[in-house]
PDB file of N, CA and C in Angstrom:
ATOM      1  N   MET A   1      79.610  36.345  23.329  1.00  0.00           N
ATOM      2  CA  MET A   1      79.132  36.899  24.584  1.00  0.00           C
ATOM      3  C   MET A   1      78.742  35.758  25.518  1.00  0.00           C
ATOM      4  N   GLN A   2      79.468  35.605  26.573  1.00  0.00           N
ATOM      5  CA  GLN A   2      79.170  34.514  27.489  1.00  0.00           C
ATOM      6  C   GLN A   2      77.869  34.744  28.255  1.00  0.00           C
ATOM      7  N   LYS A   3      77.352  35.958  28.262  1.00  0.00           N
ATOM      8  CA  LYS A   3      76.077  36.228  28.923  1.00  0.00           C
ATOM      9  C   LYS A   3      74.918  35.560  28.193  1.00  0.00           C
ATOM     10  N   LEU A   4      75.095  35.323  26.895  1.00  0.00           N
ATOM     11  CA  LEU A   4      74.037  34.714  26.109  1.00  0.00           C
ATOM     12  C   LEU A   4      73.965  33.203  26.287  1.00  0.00           C
ATOM     13  N   ALA A   5      75.057  32.573  26.644  1.00  0.00           N
ATOM     14  CA  ALA A   5      75.097  31.104  26.737  1.00  0.00           C
ATOM     15  C   ALA A   5      74.007  30.542  27.648  1.00  0.00           C
ATOM     16  N   PRO A   6      73.834  31.051  28.876  1.00  0.00           N
ATOM     17  CA  PRO A   6      72.777  30.494  29.720  1.00  0.00           C
ATOM     18  C   PRO A   6      71.378  30.724  29.152  1.00  0.00           C
ATOM     19  N   LEU A   7      71.200  31.836  28.450  1.00  0.00           N
ATOM     20  CA  LEU A   7      69.884  32.151  27.882  1.00  0.00           C
ATOM     21  C   LEU A   7      69.527  31.223  26.736  1.00  0.00           C
ATOM     22  N   LEU A   8      70.523  30.900  25.928  1.00  0.00           N
ATOM     23  CA  LEU A   8      70.260  30.126  24.723  1.00  0.00           C
ATOM     24  C   LEU A   8      70.450  28.622  24.914  1.00  0.00           C
ATOM     25  N   ALA A   9      70.955  28.211  26.061  1.00  0.00           N
ATOM     26  CA  ALA A   9      71.221  26.788  26.303  1.00  0.00           C
ATOM     27  C   ALA A   9      69.953  25.941  26.196  1.00  0.00           C
ATOM     28  N   GLN A  10      68.841  26.467  26.623  1.00  0.00           N
ATOM     29  CA  GLN A  10      67.593  25.701  26.594  1.00  0.00           C
ATOM     30  C   GLN A  10      66.604  26.267  25.580  1.00  0.00           C
ATOM     31  N   HIS A  11      67.097  27.081  24.663  1.00  0.00           N
ATOM     32  CA  HIS A  11      66.229  27.696  23.666  1.00  0.00           C
ATOM     33  C   HIS A  11      65.886  26.687  22.574  1.00  0.00           C
ATOM     34  N   HIS A  12      64.624  26.647  22.199  1.00  0.00           N
ATOM     35  CA  HIS A  12      64.162  25.770  21.120  1.00  0.00           C
ATOM     36  C   HIS A  12      63.658  26.623  19.971  1.00  0.00           C
ATOM     37  N   GLU A  13      63.754  26.103  18.780  1.00  0.00           N
ATOM     38  CA  GLU A  13      63.270  26.797  17.580  1.00  0.00           C
ATOM     39  C   GLU A  13      61.840  27.291  17.790  1.00  0.00           C
ATOM     40  N   GLY A  14      61.616  28.552  17.498  1.00  0.00           N
ATOM     41  CA  GLY A  14      60.279  29.129  17.624  1.00  0.00           C
ATOM     42  C   GLY A  14      59.984  29.735  18.983  1.00  0.00           C
ATOM     43  N   ASP A  15      60.805  29.442  19.986  1.00  0.00           N
ATOM     44  CA  ASP A  15      60.600  30.023  21.314  1.00  0.00           C
ATOM     45  C   ASP A  15      61.078  31.468  21.331  1.00  0.00           C
ATOM     46  N   LEU A  16      60.448  32.265  22.161  1.00  0.00           N
ATOM     47  CA  LEU A  16      60.901  33.627  22.398  1.00  0.00           C
ATOM     48  C   LEU A  16      61.552  33.694  23.764  1.00  0.00           C
ATOM     49  N   VAL A  17      62.547  34.540  23.899  1.00  0.00           N
ATOM     50  CA  VAL A  17      63.218  34.741  25.178  1.00  0.00           C
ATOM     51  C   VAL A  17      62.676  36.035  25.765  1.00  0.00           C
ATOM     52  N   ARG A  18      62.065  35.933  26.929  1.00  0.00           N
ATOM     53  CA  ARG A  18      61.470  37.098  27.593  1.00  0.00           C
ATOM     54  C   ARG A  18      62.515  37.852  28.395  1.00  0.00           C
ATOM     55  N   VAL A  19      62.417  39.160  28.349  1.00  0.00           N
ATOM     56  CA  VAL A  19      63.326  39.991  29.140  1.00  0.00           C
ATOM     57  C   VAL A  19      63.193  39.643  30.619  1.00  0.00           C
ATOM     58  N   SER A  20      61.980  39.371  31.076  1.00  0.00           N
ATOM     59  CA  SER A  20      61.774  39.045  32.492  1.00  0.00           C
ATOM     60  C   SER A  20      62.487  37.752  32.893  1.00  0.00           C
ATOM     61  N   ASP A  21      62.799  36.882  31.925  1.00  0.00           N
ATOM     62  CA  ASP A  21      63.502  35.642  32.231  1.00  0.00           C
ATOM     63  C   ASP A  21      64.983  35.862  32.518  1.00  0.00           C
ATOM     64  N   PHE A  22      65.554  36.945  31.991  1.00  0.00           N
ATOM     65  CA  PHE A  22      66.996  37.139  32.165  1.00  0.00           C
ATOM     66  C   PHE A  22      67.390  38.487  32.753  1.00  0.00           C
ATOM     67  N   TYR A  23      66.456  39.368  32.961  1.00  0.00           N
ATOM     68  CA  TYR A  23      66.761  40.717  33.427  1.00  0.00           C
ATOM     69  C   TYR A  23      67.621  40.718  34.693  1.00  0.00           C
ATOM     70  N   THR A  24      67.177  40.014  35.711  1.00  0.00           N
ATOM     71  CA  THR A  24      67.904  40.013  36.992  1.00  0.00           C
ATOM     72  C   THR A  24      69.283  39.378  36.849  1.00  0.00           C
ATOM     73  N   MET A  25      69.366  38.260  36.133  1.00  0.00           N
ATOM     74  CA  MET A  25      70.648  37.576  35.955  1.00  0.00           C
ATOM     75  C   MET A  25      71.664  38.479  35.255  1.00  0.00           C
ATOM     76  N   ILE A  26      71.251  39.141  34.189  1.00  0.00           N
ATOM     77  CA  ILE A  26      72.159  39.999  33.432  1.00  0.00           C
ATOM     78  C   ILE A  26      72.563  41.212  34.253  1.00  0.00           C
ATOM     79  N   ARG A  27      71.639  41.808  34.960  1.00  0.00           N
ATOM     80  CA  ARG A  27      71.956  42.990  35.773  1.00  0.00           C
ATOM     81  C   ARG A  27      72.939  42.646  36.896  1.00  0.00           C
ATOM     82  N   ARG A  28      72.825  41.432  37.458  1.00  0.00           N
ATOM     83  CA  ARG A  28      73.762  41.015  38.513  1.00  0.00           C
ATOM     84  C   ARG A  28      75.163  40.830  37.971  1.00  0.00           C
ATOM     85  N   ARG A  29      75.284  40.370  36.744  1.00  0.00           N
ATOM     86  CA  ARG A  29      76.597  40.073  36.157  1.00  0.00           C
ATOM     87  C   ARG A  29      77.271  41.285  35.540  1.00  0.00           C
ATOM     88  N   GLY A  30      76.569  42.352  35.353  1.00  0.00           N
ATOM     89  CA  GLY A  30      77.147  43.541  34.729  1.00  0.00           C
ATOM     90  C   GLY A  30      76.069  44.372  34.077  1.00  0.00           C
ATOM     91  N   ASN A  31      76.479  45.337  33.305  1.00  0.00           N
ATOM     92  CA  ASN A  31      75.529  46.262  32.706  1.00  0.00           C
ATOM     93  C   ASN A  31      75.306  45.985  31.228  1.00  0.00           C
ATOM     94  N   GLY A  32      75.308  44.745  30.796  1.00  0.00           N
ATOM     95  CA  GLY A  32      75.180  44.408  29.387  1.00  0.00           C
ATOM     96  C   GLY A  32      73.771  44.120  28.930  1.00  0.00           C
ATOM     97  N   LEU A  33      72.768  44.608  29.632  1.00  0.00           N
ATOM     98  CA  LEU A  33      71.380  44.296  29.307  1.00  0.00           C
ATOM     99  C   LEU A  33      71.017  44.725  27.884  1.00  0.00           C
ATOM    100  N   ILE A  34      71.379  45.940  27.507  1.00  0.00           N
ATOM    101  CA  ILE A  34      71.033  46.448  26.182  1.00  0.00           C
ATOM    102  C   ILE A  34      71.731  45.625  25.105  1.00  0.00           C
ATOM    103  N   ASP A  35      72.979  45.244  25.341  1.00  0.00           N
ATOM    104  CA  ASP A  35      73.705  44.421  24.360  1.00  0.00           C
ATOM    105  C   ASP A  35      73.019  43.079  24.153  1.00  0.00           C
ATOM    106  N   VAL A  36      72.626  42.449  25.237  1.00  0.00           N
ATOM    107  CA  VAL A  36      71.949  41.150  25.153  1.00  0.00           C
ATOM    108  C   VAL A  36      70.620  41.310  24.434  1.00  0.00           C
ATOM    109  N   MET A  37      69.879  42.350  24.767  1.00  0.00           N
ATOM    110  CA  MET A  37      68.592  42.589  24.111  1.00  0.00           C
ATOM    111  C   MET A  37      68.782  42.849  22.618  1.00  0.00           C
ATOM    112  N   ASP A  38      69.828  43.582  22.245  1.00  0.00           N
ATOM    113  CA  ASP A  38      70.097  43.844  20.828  1.00  0.00           C
ATOM    114  C   ASP A  38      70.373  42.565  20.058  1.00  0.00           C
ATOM    115  N   VAL A  39      71.180  41.680  20.637  1.00  0.00           N
ATOM    116  CA  VAL A  39      71.509  40.416  19.965  1.00  0.00           C
ATOM    117  C   VAL A  39      70.256  39.558  19.816  1.00  0.00           C
ATOM    118  N   LEU A  40      69.496  39.405  20.887  1.00  0.00           N
ATOM    119  CA  LEU A  40      68.283  38.591  20.831  1.00  0.00           C
ATOM    120  C   LEU A  40      67.250  39.188  19.869  1.00  0.00           C
ATOM    121  N   SER A  41      67.168  40.507  19.830  1.00  0.00           N
ATOM    122  CA  SER A  41      66.252  41.167  18.907  1.00  0.00           C
ATOM    123  C   SER A  41      66.681  40.921  17.457  1.00  0.00           C
ATOM    124  N   THR A  42      67.976  41.013  17.188  1.00  0.00           N
ATOM    125  CA  THR A  42      68.497  40.749  15.848  1.00  0.00           C
ATOM    126  C   THR A  42      68.217  39.309  15.433  1.00  0.00           C
ATOM    127  N   MET A  43      68.274  38.401  16.399  1.00  0.00           N
ATOM    128  CA  MET A  43      67.973  36.986  16.117  1.00  0.00           C
ATOM    129  C   MET A  43      66.470  36.762  15.930  1.00  0.00           C
ATOM    130  N   GLY A  44      65.662  37.746  16.317  1.00  0.00           N
ATOM    131  CA  GLY A  44      64.213  37.634  16.180  1.00  0.00           C
ATOM    132  C   GLY A  44      63.554  36.803  17.260  1.00  0.00           C
ATOM    133  N   ILE A  45      64.203  36.688  18.417  1.00  0.00           N
ATOM    134  CA  ILE A  45      63.653  35.841  19.482  1.00  0.00           C
ATOM    135  C   ILE A  45      63.413  36.604  20.781  1.00  0.00           C
ATOM    136  N   LEU A  46      63.448  37.929  20.738  1.00  0.00           N
ATOM    137  CA  LEU A  46      63.266  38.726  21.953  1.00  0.00           C
ATOM    138  C   LEU A  46      61.804  39.087  22.146  1.00  0.00           C
ATOM    139  N   LEU A  47      61.318  38.886  23.358  1.00  0.00           N
ATOM    140  CA  LEU A  47      59.985  39.340  23.756  1.00  0.00           C
ATOM    141  C   LEU A  47      60.184  40.283  24.939  1.00  0.00           C
ATOM    142  N   ASP A  48      60.058  41.575  24.692  1.00  0.00           N
ATOM    143  CA  ASP A  48      60.259  42.567  25.748  1.00  0.00           C
ATOM    144  C   ASP A  48      58.966  42.701  26.539  1.00  0.00           C
ATOM    145  N   ASP A  49      58.895  41.978  27.642  1.00  0.00           N
ATOM    146  CA  ASP A  49      57.683  41.950  28.469  1.00  0.00           C
ATOM    147  C   ASP A  49      57.786  42.841  29.698  1.00  0.00           C
ATOM    148  N   ARG A  50      58.735  43.763  29.682  1.00  0.00           N
ATOM    149  CA  ARG A  50      58.845  44.688  30.808  1.00  0.00           C
ATOM    150  C   ARG A  50      57.649  45.629  30.799  1.00  0.00           C
ATOM    151  N   PRO A  51      57.169  46.013  31.978  1.00  0.00           N
ATOM    152  CA  PRO A  51      56.060  46.973  32.018  1.00  0.00           C
ATOM    153  C   PRO A  51      56.532  48.308  31.450  1.00  0.00           C
ATOM    154  N   SER A  52      55.636  48.987  30.749  1.00  0.00           N
ATOM    155  CA  SER A  52      56.023  50.277  30.166  1.00  0.00           C
ATOM    156  C   SER A  52      56.184  51.311  31.278  1.00  0.00           C
ATOM    157  N   VAL A  53      57.150  52.169  31.109  1.00  0.00           N
ATOM    158  CA  VAL A  53      57.389  53.231  32.082  1.00  0.00           C
ATOM    159  C   VAL A  53      56.179  54.155  32.130  1.00  0.00           C
ATOM    160  N   PHE A  54      55.628  54.457  30.963  1.00  0.00           N
ATOM    161  CA  PHE A  54      54.452  55.326  30.913  1.00  0.00           C
ATOM    162  C   PHE A  54      53.272  54.706  31.647  1.00  0.00           C
ATOM    163  N   GLY A  55      53.014  53.425  31.399  1.00  0.00           N
ATOM    164  CA  GLY A  55      51.899  52.745  32.050  1.00  0.00           C
ATOM    165  C   GLY A  55      52.052  52.702  33.561  1.00  0.00           C
ATOM    166  N   THR A  56      53.256  52.432  34.017  1.00  0.00           N
ATOM    167  CA  THR A  56      53.521  52.398  35.459  1.00  0.00           C
ATOM    168  C   THR A  56      53.319  53.781  36.073  1.00  0.00           C
ATOM    169  N   TRP A  57      53.851  54.808  35.399  1.00  0.00           N
ATOM    170  CA  TRP A  57      53.676  56.174  35.888  1.00  0.00           C
ATOM    171  C   TRP A  57      52.196  56.561  35.914  1.00  0.00           C
ATOM    172  N   LEU A  58      51.491  56.263  34.829  1.00  0.00           N
ATOM    173  CA  LEU A  58      50.081  56.635  34.733  1.00  0.00           C
ATOM    174  C   LEU A  58      49.273  55.988  35.852  1.00  0.00           C
ATOM    175  N   GLU A  59      49.471  54.698  36.064  1.00  0.00           N
ATOM    176  CA  GLU A  59      48.709  54.007  37.107  1.00  0.00           C
ATOM    177  C   GLU A  59      49.021  54.560  38.492  1.00  0.00           C
ATOM    178  N   SER A  60      50.286  54.900  38.749  1.00  0.00           N
ATOM    179  CA  SER A  60      50.619  55.462  40.060  1.00  0.00           C
ATOM    180  C   SER A  60      50.042  56.864  40.225  1.00  0.00           C
ATOM    181  N   THR A  61      49.893  57.581  39.119  1.00  0.00           N
ATOM    182  CA  THR A  61      49.348  58.942  39.166  1.00  0.00           C
ATOM    183  C   THR A  61      47.850  58.936  39.416  1.00  0.00           C
ATOM    184  N   ILE A  62      47.133  58.000  38.816  1.00  0.00           N
ATOM    185  CA  ILE A  62      45.665  57.986  38.952  1.00  0.00           C
ATOM    186  C   ILE A  62      45.192  57.028  40.039  1.00  0.00           C
ATOM    187  N   ASP A  63      46.117  56.466  40.767  1.00  0.00           N
ATOM    188  CA  ASP A  63      45.801  55.458  41.781  1.00  0.00           C
ATOM    189  C   ASP A  63      44.766  55.925  42.802  1.00  0.00           C
ATOM    190  N   ASN A  64      44.828  57.168  43.222  1.00  0.00           N
ATOM    191  CA  ASN A  64      43.933  57.658  44.270  1.00  0.00           C
ATOM    192  C   ASN A  64      42.702  58.388  43.732  1.00  0.00           C
ATOM    193  N   MET A  65      42.531  58.378  42.419  1.00  0.00           N
ATOM    194  CA  MET A  65      41.361  59.037  41.831  1.00  0.00           C
ATOM    195  C   MET A  65      40.143  58.130  41.928  1.00  0.00           C
ATOM    196  N   PRO A  66      38.958  58.713  42.006  1.00  0.00           N
ATOM    197  CA  PRO A  66      37.741  57.887  41.966  1.00  0.00           C
ATOM    198  C   PRO A  66      37.683  57.088  40.667  1.00  0.00           C
ATOM    199  N   GLY A  67      37.048  55.929  40.713  1.00  0.00           N
ATOM    200  CA  GLY A  67      37.033  54.984  39.599  1.00  0.00           C
ATOM    201  C   GLY A  67      36.657  55.548  38.249  1.00  0.00           C
ATOM    202  N   LEU A  68      35.554  56.287  38.163  1.00  0.00           N
ATOM    203  CA  LEU A  68      35.114  56.820  36.871  1.00  0.00           C
ATOM    204  C   LEU A  68      36.095  57.854  36.324  1.00  0.00           C
ATOM    205  N   ILE A  69      36.610  58.698  37.197  1.00  0.00           N
ATOM    206  CA  ILE A  69      37.574  59.706  36.759  1.00  0.00           C
ATOM    207  C   ILE A  69      38.870  59.029  36.326  1.00  0.00           C
ATOM    208  N   ALA A  70      39.329  58.063  37.100  1.00  0.00           N
ATOM    209  CA  ALA A  70      40.558  57.341  36.749  1.00  0.00           C
ATOM    210  C   ALA A  70      40.413  56.653  35.390  1.00  0.00           C
ATOM    211  N   GLY A  71      39.268  56.051  35.147  1.00  0.00           N
ATOM    212  CA  GLY A  71      39.034  55.396  33.864  1.00  0.00           C
ATOM    213  C   GLY A  71      39.069  56.378  32.709  1.00  0.00           C
ATOM    214  N   TYR A  72      38.450  57.541  32.901  1.00  0.00           N
ATOM    215  CA  TYR A  72      38.437  58.573  31.868  1.00  0.00           C
ATOM    216  C   TYR A  72      39.844  59.098  31.604  1.00  0.00           C
ATOM    217  N   VAL A  73      40.595  59.401  32.670  1.00  0.00           N
ATOM    218  CA  VAL A  73      41.963  59.898  32.524  1.00  0.00           C
ATOM    219  C   VAL A  73      42.829  58.845  31.832  1.00  0.00           C
ATOM    220  N   ARG A  74      42.671  57.577  32.204  1.00  0.00           N
ATOM    221  CA  ARG A  74      43.431  56.490  31.588  1.00  0.00           C
ATOM    222  C   ARG A  74      43.157  56.423  30.081  1.00  0.00           C
ATOM    223  N   ARG A  75      41.877  56.445  29.708  1.00  0.00           N
ATOM    224  CA  ARG A  75      41.519  56.384  28.281  1.00  0.00           C
ATOM    225  C   ARG A  75      42.072  57.587  27.525  1.00  0.00           C
ATOM    226  N   CYS A  76      41.903  58.783  28.088  1.00  0.00           N
ATOM    227  CA  CYS A  76      42.403  59.998  27.428  1.00  0.00           C
ATOM    228  C   CYS A  76      43.921  59.961  27.273  1.00  0.00           C
ATOM    229  N   ALA A  77      44.610  59.545  28.307  1.00  0.00           N
ATOM    230  CA  ALA A  77      46.072  59.489  28.251  1.00  0.00           C
ATOM    231  C   ALA A  77      46.540  58.510  27.177  1.00  0.00           C
ATOM    232  N   HIS A  78      45.885  57.358  27.080  1.00  0.00           N
ATOM    233  CA  HIS A  78      46.278  56.379  26.062  1.00  0.00           C
ATOM    234  C   HIS A  78      45.976  56.876  24.651  1.00  0.00           C
ATOM    235  N   VAL A  79      44.854  57.567  24.483  1.00  0.00           N
ATOM    236  CA  VAL A  79      44.532  58.117  23.159  1.00  0.00           C
ATOM    237  C   VAL A  79      45.535  59.208  22.786  1.00  0.00           C
ATOM    238  N   LEU A  80      45.873  60.072  23.731  1.00  0.00           N
ATOM    239  CA  LEU A  80      46.848  61.120  23.450  1.00  0.00           C
ATOM    240  C   LEU A  80      48.218  60.528  23.129  1.00  0.00           C
ATOM    241  N   ARG A  81      48.578  59.466  23.808  1.00  0.00           N
ATOM    242  CA  ARG A  81      49.910  58.871  23.603  1.00  0.00           C
ATOM    243  C   ARG A  81      49.966  58.002  22.346  1.00  0.00           C
ATOM    244  N   GLU A  82      48.948  57.196  22.126  1.00  0.00           N
ATOM    245  CA  GLU A  82      48.986  56.213  21.052  1.00  0.00           C
ATOM    246  C   GLU A  82      48.128  56.584  19.849  1.00  0.00           C
ATOM    247  N   GLY A  83      47.298  57.599  19.992  1.00  0.00           N
ATOM    248  CA  GLY A  83      46.391  57.992  18.928  1.00  0.00           C
ATOM    249  C   GLY A  83      45.080  57.244  19.028  1.00  0.00           C
ATOM    250  N   GLY A  84      44.107  57.692  18.317  1.00  0.00           N
ATOM    251  CA  GLY A  84      42.810  57.054  18.339  1.00  0.00           C
ATOM    252  C   GLY A  84      41.723  58.047  17.996  1.00  0.00           C
ATOM    253  N   PRO A  85      40.488  57.604  18.075  1.00  0.00           N
ATOM    254  CA  PRO A  85      39.368  58.485  17.723  1.00  0.00           C
ATOM    255  C   PRO A  85      39.189  59.615  18.736  1.00  0.00           C
TER     256      PRO A  85
END
C-alpha cells in the first residue's frame, strides 16, 4: 500500500501513529482510511485520537444548558453509556 509509505517513513520503534497525523492526507488521496487504520492497528502502532462521535454530539446537545445541569447530564450520559455506579 503506497499510502502507508509516507506514514512509516519516519516511524521509529515504539512510536505510535496518530489518526490525526494522517487523516487529512489519506482522505485527500482516496477513501482508504479504514484500510490504513486496519494495517496500523494490526502492526500495533495505531493511536486513534479522533474525537468520539458520542462525545461531540453530547457536548453540542448540552452546550446551552446551565452549568450544573450540563454537568449532571454529562455524568449521567457517560454512566449510561460506559457503565458505573
